[in-house]
Amino acid sequence: QVHLVESGGGLVQAGESLRLSCAASGRDVLDYVLGWYRQVPGKQREMVATITWVGATYYEDSVTGRFTISRDNDKNMMYLQMTNLKVEDTAIYYCAAKYIDRSQFAYWGQGTQVTVSA
């Protein structure tokens, strides 16, 4: 089992940058794929980016080239560097984890609000 805590959300203007952090704790954190999801009220939660312990990454199309996911295995930390933010990036961002051989993310943080103003 893994416990996740996000930080770093806030209010920024369009075009600005923001970095989210996720602290992971528990046994064998390296065995988990970590990821960022986001959710807007009234809409389904959507995957933003994921990263394995060796650094293999995946990005949702709308954030490719603007967001960078990274992971510090020594500190059990994950980050999402967001640049050139757009109003449509406004959402609650969640840190998530799934065991490496599972298909679904099963562990979630409490979420952090990101608001991008025009």
PDB file of N, CA and C in Angstrom:
ATOM      1  N   GLN A   1       0.850  -1.198   0.000  1.00  0.00           N
ATOM      2  CA  GLN A   1       0.000   0.000   0.000  1.00  0.00           C
ATOM      3  C   GLN A   1       0.877   1.236   0.000  1.00  0.00           C
ATOM      4  N   VAL A   2       0.411   2.307  -0.614  1.00  0.00           N
ATOM      5  CA  VAL A   2       1.183   3.535  -0.700  1.00  0.00           C
ATOM      6  C   VAL A   2       0.282   4.716  -0.349  1.00  0.00           C
ATOM      7  N   HIS A   3       0.852   5.679   0.343  1.00  0.00           N
ATOM      8  CA  HIS A   3       0.143   6.897   0.738  1.00  0.00           C
ATOM      9  C   HIS A   3       0.703   8.071  -0.046  1.00  0.00           C
ATOM     10  N   LEU A   4      -0.188   8.921  -0.565  1.00  0.00           N
ATOM     11  CA  LEU A   4       0.226   9.996  -1.464  1.00  0.00           C
ATOM     12  C   LEU A   4      -0.258  11.349  -0.954  1.00  0.00           C
ATOM     13  N   VAL A   5       0.604  12.352  -1.006  1.00  0.00           N
ATOM     14  CA  VAL A   5       0.239  13.711  -0.596  1.00  0.00           C
ATOM     15  C   VAL A   5       0.752  14.695  -1.637  1.00  0.00           C
ATOM     16  N   GLU A   6      -0.179  15.449  -2.223  1.00  0.00           N
ATOM     17  CA  GLU A   6       0.183  16.438  -3.231  1.00  0.00           C
ATOM     18  C   GLU A   6       0.427  17.808  -2.582  1.00  0.00           C
ATOM     19  N   SER A   7       1.172  18.632  -3.291  1.00  0.00           N
ATOM     20  CA  SER A   7       1.352  20.025  -2.903  1.00  0.00           C
ATOM     21  C   SER A   7       1.731  20.825  -4.135  1.00  0.00           C
ATOM     22  N   GLY A   8       1.609  22.153  -4.028  1.00  0.00           N
ATOM     23  CA  GLY A   8       2.086  23.007  -5.104  1.00  0.00           C
ATOM     24  C   GLY A   8       1.033  23.644  -5.981  1.00  0.00           C
ATOM     25  N   GLY A   9      -0.234  23.357  -5.739  1.00  0.00           N
ATOM     26  CA  GLY A   9      -1.266  23.979  -6.554  1.00  0.00           C
ATOM     27  C   GLY A   9      -1.379  25.462  -6.247  1.00  0.00           C
ATOM     28  N   GLY A  10      -2.183  26.159  -7.058  1.00  0.00           N
ATOM     29  CA  GLY A  10      -2.365  27.577  -6.819  1.00  0.00           C
ATOM     30  C   GLY A  10      -3.043  28.257  -7.979  1.00  0.00           C
ATOM     31  N   LEU A  11      -3.021  29.581  -7.930  1.00  0.00           N
ATOM     32  CA  LEU A  11      -3.634  30.420  -8.964  1.00  0.00           C
ATOM     33  C   LEU A  11      -2.535  31.095  -9.769  1.00  0.00           C
ATOM     34  N   VAL A  12      -2.574  30.903 -11.084  1.00  0.00           N
ATOM     35  CA  VAL A  12      -1.605  31.530 -11.973  1.00  0.00           C
ATOM     36  C   VAL A  12      -2.338  32.093 -13.174  1.00  0.00           C
ATOM     37  N   GLN A  13      -1.648  32.916 -13.925  1.00  0.00           N
ATOM     38  CA  GLN A  13      -2.218  33.445 -15.161  1.00  0.00           C
ATOM     39  C   GLN A  13      -1.837  32.552 -16.337  1.00  0.00           C
ATOM     40  N   ALA A  14      -2.640  32.626 -17.376  1.00  0.00           N
ATOM     41  CA  ALA A  14      -2.346  31.859 -18.586  1.00  0.00           C
ATOM     42  C   ALA A  14      -0.946  32.192 -19.086  1.00  0.00           C
ATOM     43  N   GLY A  15      -0.216  31.146 -19.492  1.00  0.00           N
ATOM     44  CA  GLY A  15       1.142  31.329 -19.975  1.00  0.00           C
ATOM     45  C   GLY A  15       2.206  31.132 -18.910  1.00  0.00           C
ATOM     46  N   GLU A  16       1.792  31.151 -17.652  1.00  0.00           N
ATOM     47  CA  GLU A  16       2.749  30.977 -16.559  1.00  0.00           C
ATOM     48  C   GLU A  16       2.992  29.504 -16.268  1.00  0.00           C
ATOM     49  N   SER A  17       3.875  29.258 -15.307  1.00  0.00           N
ATOM     50  CA  SER A  17       4.271  27.889 -14.963  1.00  0.00           C
ATOM     51  C   SER A  17       3.949  27.586 -13.507  1.00  0.00           C
ATOM     52  N   LEU A  18       3.873  26.295 -13.220  1.00  0.00           N
ATOM     53  CA  LEU A  18       3.603  25.838 -11.858  1.00  0.00           C
ATOM     54  C   LEU A  18       4.171  24.441 -11.731  1.00  0.00           C
ATOM     55  N   ARG A  19       4.680  24.096 -10.538  1.00  0.00           N
ATOM     56  CA  ARG A  19       5.169  22.740 -10.317  1.00  0.00           C
ATOM     57  C   ARG A  19       4.403  22.088  -9.178  1.00  0.00           C
ATOM     58  N   LEU A  20       3.879  20.915  -9.468  1.00  0.00           N
ATOM     59  CA  LEU A  20       3.201  20.113  -8.448  1.00  0.00           C
ATOM     60  C   LEU A  20       4.171  19.061  -7.928  1.00  0.00           C
ATOM     61  N   SER A  21       4.028  18.748  -6.653  1.00  0.00           N
ATOM     62  CA  SER A  21       4.833  17.706  -6.032  1.00  0.00           C
ATOM     63  C   SER A  21       3.924  16.657  -5.413  1.00  0.00           C
ATOM     64  N   CYS A  22       4.419  15.434  -5.367  1.00  0.00           N
ATOM     65  CA  CYS A  22       3.683  14.338  -4.729  1.00  0.00           C
ATOM     66  C   CYS A  22       4.662  13.537  -3.893  1.00  0.00           C
ATOM     67  N   ALA A  23       4.390  13.461  -2.610  1.00  0.00           N
ATOM     68  CA  ALA A  23       5.206  12.658  -1.708  1.00  0.00           C
ATOM     69  C   ALA A  23       4.552  11.297  -1.526  1.00  0.00           C
ATOM     70  N   ALA A  24       5.316  10.252  -1.821  1.00  0.00           N
ATOM     71  CA  ALA A  24       4.798   8.884  -1.697  1.00  0.00           C
ATOM     72  C   ALA A  24       5.459   8.204  -0.514  1.00  0.00           C
ATOM     73  N   SER A  25       4.678   7.477   0.257  1.00  0.00           N
ATOM     74  CA  SER A  25       5.232   6.735   1.381  1.00  0.00           C
ATOM     75  C   SER A  25       4.583   5.361   1.437  1.00  0.00           C
ATOM     76  N   GLY A  26       5.302   4.420   2.030  1.00  0.00           N
ATOM     77  CA  GLY A  26       4.824   3.052   2.118  1.00  0.00           C
ATOM     78  C   GLY A  26       5.907   2.087   1.710  1.00  0.00           C
ATOM     79  N   ARG A  27       5.554   0.819   1.670  1.00  0.00           N
ATOM     80  CA  ARG A  27       6.524  -0.192   1.304  1.00  0.00           C
ATOM     81  C   ARG A  27       6.683  -0.291  -0.206  1.00  0.00           C
ATOM     82  N   ASP A  28       7.920  -0.483  -0.627  1.00  0.00           N
ATOM     83  CA  ASP A  28       8.207  -0.799  -2.034  1.00  0.00           C
ATOM     84  C   ASP A  28       7.601   0.202  -3.013  1.00  0.00           C
ATOM     85  N   VAL A  29       7.801   1.469  -2.755  1.00  0.00           N
ATOM     86  CA  VAL A  29       7.251   2.508  -3.642  1.00  0.00           C
ATOM     87  C   VAL A  29       7.775   2.342  -5.065  1.00  0.00           C
ATOM     88  N   LEU A  30       8.983   1.834  -5.213  1.00  0.00           N
ATOM     89  CA  LEU A  30       9.545   1.647  -6.549  1.00  0.00           C
ATOM     90  C   LEU A  30       8.734   0.667  -7.384  1.00  0.00           C
ATOM     91  N   ASP A  31       7.953  -0.182  -6.763  1.00  0.00           N
ATOM     92  CA  ASP A  31       7.145  -1.156  -7.492  1.00  0.00           C
ATOM     93  C   ASP A  31       5.864  -0.560  -8.064  1.00  0.00           C
ATOM     94  N   TYR A  32       5.676   0.738  -7.838  1.00  0.00           N
ATOM     95  CA  TYR A  32       4.447   1.381  -8.277  1.00  0.00           C
ATOM     96  C   TYR A  32       4.696   2.320  -9.451  1.00  0.00           C
ATOM     97  N   VAL A  33       3.775   2.296 -10.383  1.00  0.00           N
ATOM     98  CA  VAL A  33       3.718   3.318 -11.418  1.00  0.00           C
ATOM     99  C   VAL A  33       3.003   4.514 -10.796  1.00  0.00           C
ATOM    100  N   LEU A  34       3.572   5.691 -10.940  1.00  0.00           N
ATOM    101  CA  LEU A  34       2.965   6.906 -10.402  1.00  0.00           C
ATOM    102  C   LEU A  34       2.399   7.749 -11.537  1.00  0.00           C
ATOM    103  N   GLY A  35       1.396   8.529 -11.215  1.00  0.00           N
ATOM    104  CA  GLY A  35       0.800   9.348 -12.263  1.00  0.00           C
ATOM    105  C   GLY A  35       0.067  10.555 -11.723  1.00  0.00           C
ATOM    106  N   TRP A  36      -0.256  11.436 -12.620  1.00  0.00           N
ATOM    107  CA  TRP A  36      -1.068  12.616 -12.316  1.00  0.00           C
ATOM    108  C   TRP A  36      -2.374  12.525 -13.108  1.00  0.00           C
ATOM    109  N   TYR A  37      -3.463  12.753 -12.426  1.00  0.00           N
ATOM    110  CA  TYR A  37      -4.778  12.855 -13.027  1.00  0.00           C
ATOM    111  C   TYR A  37      -5.323  14.238 -12.694  1.00  0.00           C
ATOM    112  N   ARG A  38      -6.355  14.653 -13.435  1.00  0.00           N
ATOM    113  CA  ARG A  38      -7.023  15.894 -13.095  1.00  0.00           C
ATOM    114  C   ARG A  38      -8.515  15.755 -13.321  1.00  0.00           C
ATOM    115  N   GLN A  39      -9.261  16.569 -12.605  1.00  0.00           N
ATOM    116  CA  GLN A  39     -10.714  16.496 -12.706  1.00  0.00           C
ATOM    117  C   GLN A  39     -11.336  17.864 -12.563  1.00  0.00           C
ATOM    118  N   VAL A  40     -12.245  18.146 -13.471  1.00  0.00           N
ATOM    119  CA  VAL A  40     -13.054  19.356 -13.433  1.00  0.00           C
ATOM    120  C   VAL A  40     -14.436  18.956 -12.934  1.00  0.00           C
ATOM    121  N   PRO A  41     -15.060  19.736 -12.052  1.00  0.00           N
ATOM    122  CA  PRO A  41     -16.402  19.388 -11.564  1.00  0.00           C
ATOM    123  C   PRO A  41     -17.358  19.077 -12.700  1.00  0.00           C
ATOM    124  N   GLY A  42     -18.044  17.949 -12.577  1.00  0.00           N
ATOM    125  CA  GLY A  42     -19.011  17.556 -13.587  1.00  0.00           C
ATOM    126  C   GLY A  42     -18.424  16.744 -14.727  1.00  0.00           C
ATOM    127  N   LYS A  43     -17.115  16.546 -14.699  1.00  0.00           N
ATOM    128  CA  LYS A  43     -16.474  15.780 -15.757  1.00  0.00           C
ATOM    129  C   LYS A  43     -15.715  14.610 -15.165  1.00  0.00           C
ATOM    130  N   GLN A  44     -15.387  13.646 -16.024  1.00  0.00           N
ATOM    131  CA  GLN A  44     -14.624  12.493 -15.569  1.00  0.00           C
ATOM    132  C   GLN A  44     -13.184  12.877 -15.281  1.00  0.00           C
ATOM    133  N   ARG A  45     -12.614  12.147 -14.326  1.00  0.00           N
ATOM    134  CA  ARG A  45     -11.190  12.336 -14.047  1.00  0.00           C
ATOM    135  C   ARG A  45     -10.400  11.829 -15.242  1.00  0.00           C
ATOM    136  N   GLU A  46      -9.380  12.588 -15.661  1.00  0.00           N
ATOM    137  CA  GLU A  46      -8.595  12.194 -16.826  1.00  0.00           C
ATOM    138  C   GLU A  46      -7.113  12.086 -16.466  1.00  0.00           C
ATOM    139  N   MET A  47      -6.472  11.124 -17.107  1.00  0.00           N
ATOM    140  CA  MET A  47      -5.042  10.932 -16.904  1.00  0.00           C
ATOM    141  C   MET A  47      -4.283  12.054 -17.580  1.00  0.00           C
ATOM    142  N   VAL A  48      -3.290  12.570 -16.891  1.00  0.00           N
ATOM    143  CA  VAL A  48      -2.443  13.633 -17.439  1.00  0.00           C
ATOM    144  C   VAL A  48      -1.096  13.065 -17.865  1.00  0.00           C
ATOM    145  N   ALA A  49      -0.457  12.339 -16.968  1.00  0.00           N
ATOM    146  CA  ALA A  49       0.864  11.789 -17.248  1.00  0.00           C
ATOM    147  C   ALA A  49       1.159  10.681 -16.252  1.00  0.00           C
ATOM    148  N   THR A  50       2.000   9.739 -16.686  1.00  0.00           N
ATOM    149  CA  THR A  50       2.423   8.673 -15.788  1.00  0.00           C
ATOM    150  C   THR A  50       3.916   8.438 -15.942  1.00  0.00           C
ATOM    151  N   ILE A  51       4.508   7.793 -14.921  1.00  0.00           N
ATOM    152  CA  ILE A  51       5.938   7.517 -14.954  1.00  0.00           C
ATOM    153  C   ILE A  51       6.231   6.250 -14.167  1.00  0.00           C
ATOM    154  N   THR A  52       7.086   5.392 -14.724  1.00  0.00           N
ATOM    155  CA  THR A  52       7.518   4.188 -14.027  1.00  0.00           C
ATOM    156  C   THR A  52       8.786   4.494 -13.228  1.00  0.00           C
ATOM    157  N   TRP A  53       9.236   3.499 -12.453  1.00  0.00           N
ATOM    158  CA  TRP A  53      10.411   3.749 -11.606  1.00  0.00           C
ATOM    159  C   TRP A  53      11.674   3.932 -12.436  1.00  0.00           C
ATOM    160  N   VAL A  54      11.691   3.422 -13.671  1.00  0.00           N
ATOM    161  CA  VAL A  54      12.871   3.601 -14.520  1.00  0.00           C
ATOM    162  C   VAL A  54      12.753   4.854 -15.375  1.00  0.00           C
ATOM    163  N   GLY A  55      11.638   5.569 -15.252  1.00  0.00           N
ATOM    164  CA  GLY A  55      11.502   6.837 -15.952  1.00  0.00           C
ATOM    165  C   GLY A  55      10.747   6.797 -17.265  1.00  0.00           C
ATOM    166  N   ALA A  56      10.110   5.693 -17.572  1.00  0.00           N
ATOM    167  CA  ALA A  56       9.290   5.646 -18.785  1.00  0.00           C
ATOM    168  C   ALA A  56       8.035   6.485 -18.556  1.00  0.00           C
ATOM    169  N   THR A  57       7.742   7.371 -19.500  1.00  0.00           N
ATOM    170  CA  THR A  57       6.659   8.329 -19.298  1.00  0.00           C
ATOM    171  C   THR A  57       5.574   8.219 -20.362  1.00  0.00           C
ATOM    172  N   TYR A  58       4.407   8.707 -19.986  1.00  0.00           N
ATOM    173  CA  TYR A  58       3.283   8.816 -20.908  1.00  0.00           C
ATOM    174  C   TYR A  58       2.618  10.155 -20.641  1.00  0.00           C
ATOM    175  N   TYR A  59       2.180  10.837 -21.705  1.00  0.00           N
ATOM    176  CA  TYR A  59       1.491  12.116 -21.568  1.00  0.00           C
ATOM    177  C   TYR A  59       0.192  12.104 -22.364  1.00  0.00           C
ATOM    178  N   GLU A  60      -0.801  12.729 -21.800  1.00  0.00           N
ATOM    179  CA  GLU A  60      -2.044  12.974 -22.525  1.00  0.00           C
ATOM    180  C   GLU A  60      -1.751  14.015 -23.599  1.00  0.00           C
ATOM    181  N   ASP A  61      -2.419  13.892 -24.741  1.00  0.00           N
ATOM    182  CA  ASP A  61      -2.070  14.723 -25.901  1.00  0.00           C
ATOM    183  C   ASP A  61      -2.074  16.224 -25.608  1.00  0.00           C
ATOM    184  N   SER A  62      -3.054  16.684 -24.841  1.00  0.00           N
ATOM    185  CA  SER A  62      -3.208  18.135 -24.664  1.00  0.00           C
ATOM    186  C   SER A  62      -2.091  18.752 -23.820  1.00  0.00           C
ATOM    187  N   VAL A  63      -1.326  17.927 -23.108  1.00  0.00           N
ATOM    188  CA  VAL A  63      -0.248  18.473 -22.265  1.00  0.00           C
ATOM    189  C   VAL A  63       1.130  18.166 -22.820  1.00  0.00           C
ATOM    190  N   THR A  64       1.200  17.350 -23.856  1.00  0.00           N
ATOM    191  CA  THR A  64       2.491  16.989 -24.446  1.00  0.00           C
ATOM    192  C   THR A  64       3.217  18.251 -24.901  1.00  0.00           C
ATOM    193  N   GLY A  65       4.461  18.360 -24.495  1.00  0.00           N
ATOM    194  CA  GLY A  65       5.264  19.523 -24.857  1.00  0.00           C
ATOM    195  C   GLY A  65       5.152  20.674 -23.866  1.00  0.00           C
ATOM    196  N   ARG A  66       4.163  20.618 -22.977  1.00  0.00           N
ATOM    197  CA  ARG A  66       4.000  21.686 -21.975  1.00  0.00           C
ATOM    198  C   ARG A  66       4.244  21.186 -20.551  1.00  0.00           C
ATOM    199  N   PHE A  67       3.906  19.952 -20.292  1.00  0.00           N
ATOM    200  CA  PHE A  67       4.061  19.374 -18.954  1.00  0.00           C
ATOM    201  C   PHE A  67       5.194  18.352 -18.973  1.00  0.00           C
ATOM    202  N   THR A  68       5.906  18.263 -17.863  1.00  0.00           N
ATOM    203  CA  THR A  68       6.961  17.265 -17.714  1.00  0.00           C
ATOM    204  C   THR A  68       6.785  16.558 -16.379  1.00  0.00           C
ATOM    205  N   ILE A  69       6.669  15.242 -16.439  1.00  0.00           N
ATOM    206  CA  ILE A  69       6.565  14.444 -15.221  1.00  0.00           C
ATOM    207  C   ILE A  69       7.946  13.901 -14.884  1.00  0.00           C
ATOM    208  N   SER A  70       8.268  13.871 -13.609  1.00  0.00           N
ATOM    209  CA  SER A  70       9.558  13.341 -13.195  1.00  0.00           C
ATOM    210  C   SER A  70       9.408  12.668 -11.836  1.00  0.00           C
ATOM    211  N   ARG A  71      10.447  11.935 -11.475  1.00  0.00           N
ATOM    212  CA  ARG A  71      10.360  11.119 -10.263  1.00  0.00           C
ATOM    213  C   ARG A  71      11.738  11.059  -9.619  1.00  0.00           C
ATOM    214  N   ASP A  72      11.801  11.274  -8.333  1.00  0.00           N
ATOM    215  CA  ASP A  72      13.038  11.136  -7.572  1.00  0.00           C
ATOM    216  C   ASP A  72      12.879   9.901  -6.696  1.00  0.00           C
ATOM    217  N   ASN A  73      13.443   8.788  -7.137  1.00  0.00           N
ATOM    218  CA  ASN A  73      13.259   7.525  -6.414  1.00  0.00           C
ATOM    219  C   ASN A  73      13.940   7.528  -5.048  1.00  0.00           C
ATOM    220  N   ASP A  74      15.009   8.280  -4.904  1.00  0.00           N
ATOM    221  CA  ASP A  74      15.697   8.338  -3.609  1.00  0.00           C
ATOM    222  C   ASP A  74      14.827   9.022  -2.550  1.00  0.00           C
ATOM    223  N   LYS A  75      14.022   9.974  -2.973  1.00  0.00           N
ATOM    224  CA  LYS A  75      13.187  10.733  -2.042  1.00  0.00           C
ATOM    225  C   LYS A  75      11.729  10.303  -2.074  1.00  0.00           C
ATOM    226  N   ASN A  76      11.397   9.334  -2.925  1.00  0.00           N
ATOM    227  CA  ASN A  76       9.996   8.915  -3.107  1.00  0.00           C
ATOM    228  C   ASN A  76       9.106  10.103  -3.439  1.00  0.00           C
ATOM    229  N   MET A  77       9.575  10.905  -4.365  1.00  0.00           N
ATOM    230  CA  MET A  77       8.832  12.087  -4.783  1.00  0.00           C
ATOM    231  C   MET A  77       8.539  12.014  -6.276  1.00  0.00           C
ATOM    232  N   MET A  78       7.418  12.609  -6.660  1.00  0.00           N
ATOM    233  CA  MET A  78       7.079  12.754  -8.065  1.00  0.00           C
ATOM    234  C   MET A  78       6.702  14.218  -8.292  1.00  0.00           C
ATOM    235  N   TYR A  79       6.968  14.693  -9.501  1.00  0.00           N
ATOM    236  CA  TYR A  79       6.722  16.101  -9.802  1.00  0.00           C
ATOM    237  C   TYR A  79       5.991  16.226 -11.136  1.00  0.00           C
ATOM    238  N   LEU A  80       5.284  17.327 -11.281  1.00  0.00           N
ATOM    239  CA  LEU A  80       4.696  17.675 -12.570  1.00  0.00           C
ATOM    240  C   LEU A  80       5.014  19.138 -12.821  1.00  0.00           C
ATOM    241  N   GLN A  81       5.953  19.374 -13.725  1.00  0.00           N
ATOM    242  CA  GLN A  81       6.292  20.735 -14.115  1.00  0.00           C
ATOM    243  C   GLN A  81       5.352  21.140 -15.233  1.00  0.00           C
ATOM    244  N   MET A  82       4.577  22.173 -14.994  1.00  0.00           N
ATOM    245  CA  MET A  82       3.590  22.620 -15.968  1.00  0.00           C
ATOM    246  C   MET A  82       4.002  23.989 -16.486  1.00  0.00           C
ATOM    247  N   THR A  83       4.162  24.114 -17.792  1.00  0.00           N
ATOM    248  CA  THR A  83       4.529  25.382 -18.405  1.00  0.00           C
ATOM    249  C   THR A  83       3.459  25.790 -19.406  1.00  0.00           C
ATOM    250  N   ASN A  84       3.502  27.071 -19.784  1.00  0.00           N
ATOM    251  CA  ASN A  84       2.542  27.596 -20.751  1.00  0.00           C
ATOM    252  C   ASN A  84       1.118  27.145 -20.397  1.00  0.00           C
ATOM    253  N   LEU A  85       0.752  27.373 -19.154  1.00  0.00           N
ATOM    254  CA  LEU A  85      -0.549  26.924 -18.683  1.00  0.00           C
ATOM    255  C   LEU A  85      -1.683  27.636 -19.399  1.00  0.00           C
ATOM    256  N   LYS A  86      -2.758  26.892 -19.611  1.00  0.00           N
ATOM    257  CA  LYS A  86      -3.934  27.406 -20.296  1.00  0.00           C
ATOM    258  C   LYS A  86      -5.128  27.383 -19.342  1.00  0.00           C
ATOM    259  N   VAL A  87      -6.119  28.204 -19.643  1.00  0.00           N
ATOM    260  CA  VAL A  87      -7.318  28.254 -18.801  1.00  0.00           C
ATOM    261  C   VAL A  87      -7.936  26.858 -18.664  1.00  0.00           C
ATOM    262  N   GLU A  88      -7.875  26.096 -19.747  1.00  0.00           N
ATOM    263  CA  GLU A  88      -8.472  24.757 -19.740  1.00  0.00           C
ATOM    264  C   GLU A  88      -7.689  23.744 -18.916  1.00  0.00           C
ATOM    265  N   ASP A  89      -6.542  24.124 -18.390  1.00  0.00           N
ATOM    266  CA  ASP A  89      -5.801  23.267 -17.469  1.00  0.00           C
ATOM    267  C   ASP A  89      -6.332  23.380 -16.043  1.00  0.00           C
ATOM    268  N   THR A  90      -7.238  24.304 -15.816  1.00  0.00           N
ATOM    269  CA  THR A  90      -7.829  24.465 -14.495  1.00  0.00           C
ATOM    270  C   THR A  90      -8.542  23.193 -14.070  1.00  0.00           C
ATOM    271  N   ALA A  91      -8.179  22.671 -12.897  1.00  0.00           N
ATOM    272  CA  ALA A  91      -8.746  21.413 -12.413  1.00  0.00           C
ATOM    273  C   ALA A  91      -8.171  21.119 -11.037  1.00  0.00           C
ATOM    274  N   ILE A  92      -8.713  20.100 -10.420  1.00  0.00           N
ATOM    275  CA  ILE A  92      -8.070  19.520  -9.240  1.00  0.00           C
ATOM    276  C   ILE A  92      -7.134  18.438  -9.756  1.00  0.00           C
ATOM    277  N   TYR A  93      -5.885  18.505  -9.356  1.00  0.00           N
ATOM    278  CA  TYR A  93      -4.877  17.542  -9.800  1.00  0.00           C
ATOM    279  C   TYR A  93      -4.625  16.526  -8.687  1.00  0.00           C
ATOM    280  N   TYR A  94      -4.649  15.263  -9.073  1.00  0.00           N
ATOM    281  CA  TYR A  94      -4.475  14.177  -8.128  1.00  0.00           C
ATOM    282  C   TYR A  94      -3.225  13.371  -8.454  1.00  0.00           C
ATOM    283  N   CYS A  95      -2.499  13.026  -7.442  1.00  0.00           N
ATOM    284  CA  CYS A  95      -1.406  12.084  -7.542  1.00  0.00           C
ATOM    285  C   CYS A  95      -1.995  10.679  -7.406  1.00  0.00           C
ATOM    286  N   ALA A  96      -1.520   9.733  -8.207  1.00  0.00           N
ATOM    287  CA  ALA A  96      -2.071   8.389  -8.189  1.00  0.00           C
ATOM    288  C   ALA A  96      -0.961   7.355  -8.301  1.00  0.00           C
ATOM    289  N   ALA A  97      -1.266   6.150  -7.839  1.00  0.00           N
ATOM    290  CA  ALA A  97      -0.288   5.065  -7.908  1.00  0.00           C
ATOM    291  C   ALA A  97      -0.981   3.750  -8.197  1.00  0.00           C
ATOM    292  N   LYS A  98      -0.293   2.908  -8.958  1.00  0.00           N
ATOM    293  CA  LYS A  98      -0.788   1.558  -9.167  1.00  0.00           C
ATOM    294  C   LYS A  98       0.386   0.605  -9.132  1.00  0.00           C
ATOM    295  N   TYR A  99       0.145  -0.584  -8.591  1.00  0.00           N
ATOM    296  CA  TYR A  99       1.183  -1.587  -8.583  1.00  0.00           C
ATOM    297  C   TYR A  99       1.521  -1.921 -10.032  1.00  0.00           C
ATOM    298  N   ILE A 100       2.767  -2.257 -10.281  1.00  0.00           N
ATOM    299  CA  ILE A 100       3.271  -2.338 -11.645  1.00  0.00           C
ATOM    300  C   ILE A 100       2.516  -3.334 -12.516  1.00  0.00           C
ATOM    301  N   ASP A 101       1.938  -4.381 -11.945  1.00  0.00           N
ATOM    302  CA  ASP A 101       1.245  -5.365 -12.774  1.00  0.00           C
ATOM    303  C   ASP A 101      -0.278  -5.203 -12.735  1.00  0.00           C
ATOM    304  N   ARG A 102      -0.736  -4.051 -12.214  1.00  0.00           N
ATOM    305  CA  ARG A 102      -2.167  -3.774 -12.174  1.00  0.00           C
ATOM    306  C   ARG A 102      -2.542  -2.845 -13.326  1.00  0.00           C
ATOM    307  N   SER A 103      -3.794  -2.945 -13.759  1.00  0.00           N
ATOM    308  CA  SER A 103      -4.247  -2.105 -14.868  1.00  0.00           C
ATOM    309  C   SER A 103      -4.833  -0.780 -14.386  1.00  0.00           C
ATOM    310  N   GLN A 104      -5.304  -0.728 -13.160  1.00  0.00           N
ATOM    311  CA  GLN A 104      -5.987   0.460 -12.654  1.00  0.00           C
ATOM    312  C   GLN A 104      -5.197   1.119 -11.528  1.00  0.00           C
ATOM    313  N   PHE A 105      -5.239   2.437 -11.515  1.00  0.00           N
ATOM    314  CA  PHE A 105      -4.659   3.175 -10.400  1.00  0.00           C
ATOM    315  C   PHE A 105      -5.571   3.009  -9.186  1.00  0.00           C
ATOM    316  N   ALA A 106      -4.985   2.608  -8.067  1.00  0.00           N
ATOM    317  CA  ALA A 106      -5.784   2.251  -6.902  1.00  0.00           C
ATOM    318  C   ALA A 106      -5.566   3.163  -5.706  1.00  0.00           C
ATOM    319  N   TYR A 107      -4.498   3.945  -5.741  1.00  0.00           N
ATOM    320  CA  TYR A 107      -4.172   4.807  -4.615  1.00  0.00           C
ATOM    321  C   TYR A 107      -4.165   6.251  -5.084  1.00  0.00           C
ATOM    322  N   TRP A 108      -4.765   7.109  -4.247  1.00  0.00           N
ATOM    323  CA  TRP A 108      -4.955   8.502  -4.648  1.00  0.00           C
ATOM    324  C   TRP A 108      -4.602   9.454  -3.512  1.00  0.00           C
ATOM    325  N   GLY A 109      -4.070  10.614  -3.909  1.00  0.00           N
ATOM    326  CA  GLY A 109      -3.889  11.683  -2.952  1.00  0.00           C
ATOM    327  C   GLY A 109      -5.185  12.456  -2.785  1.00  0.00           C
ATOM    328  N   GLN A 110      -5.119  13.503  -1.971  1.00  0.00           N
ATOM    329  CA  GLN A 110      -6.325  14.267  -1.663  1.00  0.00           C
ATOM    330  C   GLN A 110      -6.636  15.313  -2.728  1.00  0.00           C
ATOM    331  N   GLY A 111      -5.680  15.581  -3.602  1.00  0.00           N
ATOM    332  CA  GLY A 111      -5.883  16.547  -4.671  1.00  0.00           C
ATOM    333  C   GLY A 111      -5.385  17.934  -4.323  1.00  0.00           C
ATOM    334  N   THR A 112      -4.970  18.666  -5.341  1.00  0.00           N
ATOM    335  CA  THR A 112      -4.549  20.050  -5.169  1.00  0.00           C
ATOM    336  C   THR A 112      -5.130  20.872  -6.316  1.00  0.00           C
ATOM    337  N   GLN A 113      -5.675  22.033  -5.979  1.00  0.00           N
ATOM    338  CA  GLN A 113      -6.364  22.852  -6.975  1.00  0.00           C
ATOM    339  C   GLN A 113      -5.366  23.665  -7.790  1.00  0.00           C
ATOM    340  N   VAL A 114      -5.531  23.618  -9.094  1.00  0.00           N
ATOM    341  CA  VAL A 114      -4.777  24.474 -10.012  1.00  0.00           C
ATOM    342  C   VAL A 114      -5.798  25.328 -10.762  1.00  0.00           C
ATOM    343  N   THR A 115      -5.635  26.623 -10.657  1.00  0.00           N
ATOM    344  CA  THR A 115      -6.534  27.546 -11.338  1.00  0.00           C
ATOM    345  C   THR A 115      -5.720  28.456 -12.239  1.00  0.00           C
ATOM    346  N   VAL A 116      -6.083  28.487 -13.520  1.00  0.00           N
ATOM    347  CA  VAL A 116      -5.389  29.317 -14.491  1.00  0.00           C
ATOM    348  C   VAL A 116      -6.364  30.378 -14.980  1.00  0.00           C
ATOM    349  N   SER A 117      -6.026  31.622 -14.763  1.00  0.00           N
ATOM    350  CA  SER A 117      -6.892  32.719 -15.174  1.00  0.00           C
ATOM    351  C   SER A 117      -6.433  33.281 -16.515  1.00  0.00           C
ATOM    352  N   ALA A 118      -7.383  33.851 -17.251  1.00  0.00           N
ATOM    353  CA  ALA A 118      -7.077  34.394 -18.587  1.00  0.00           C
ATOM    354  C   ALA A 118      -6.275  35.683 -18.489  1.00  0.00           C
TER     355      ALA A 118
END
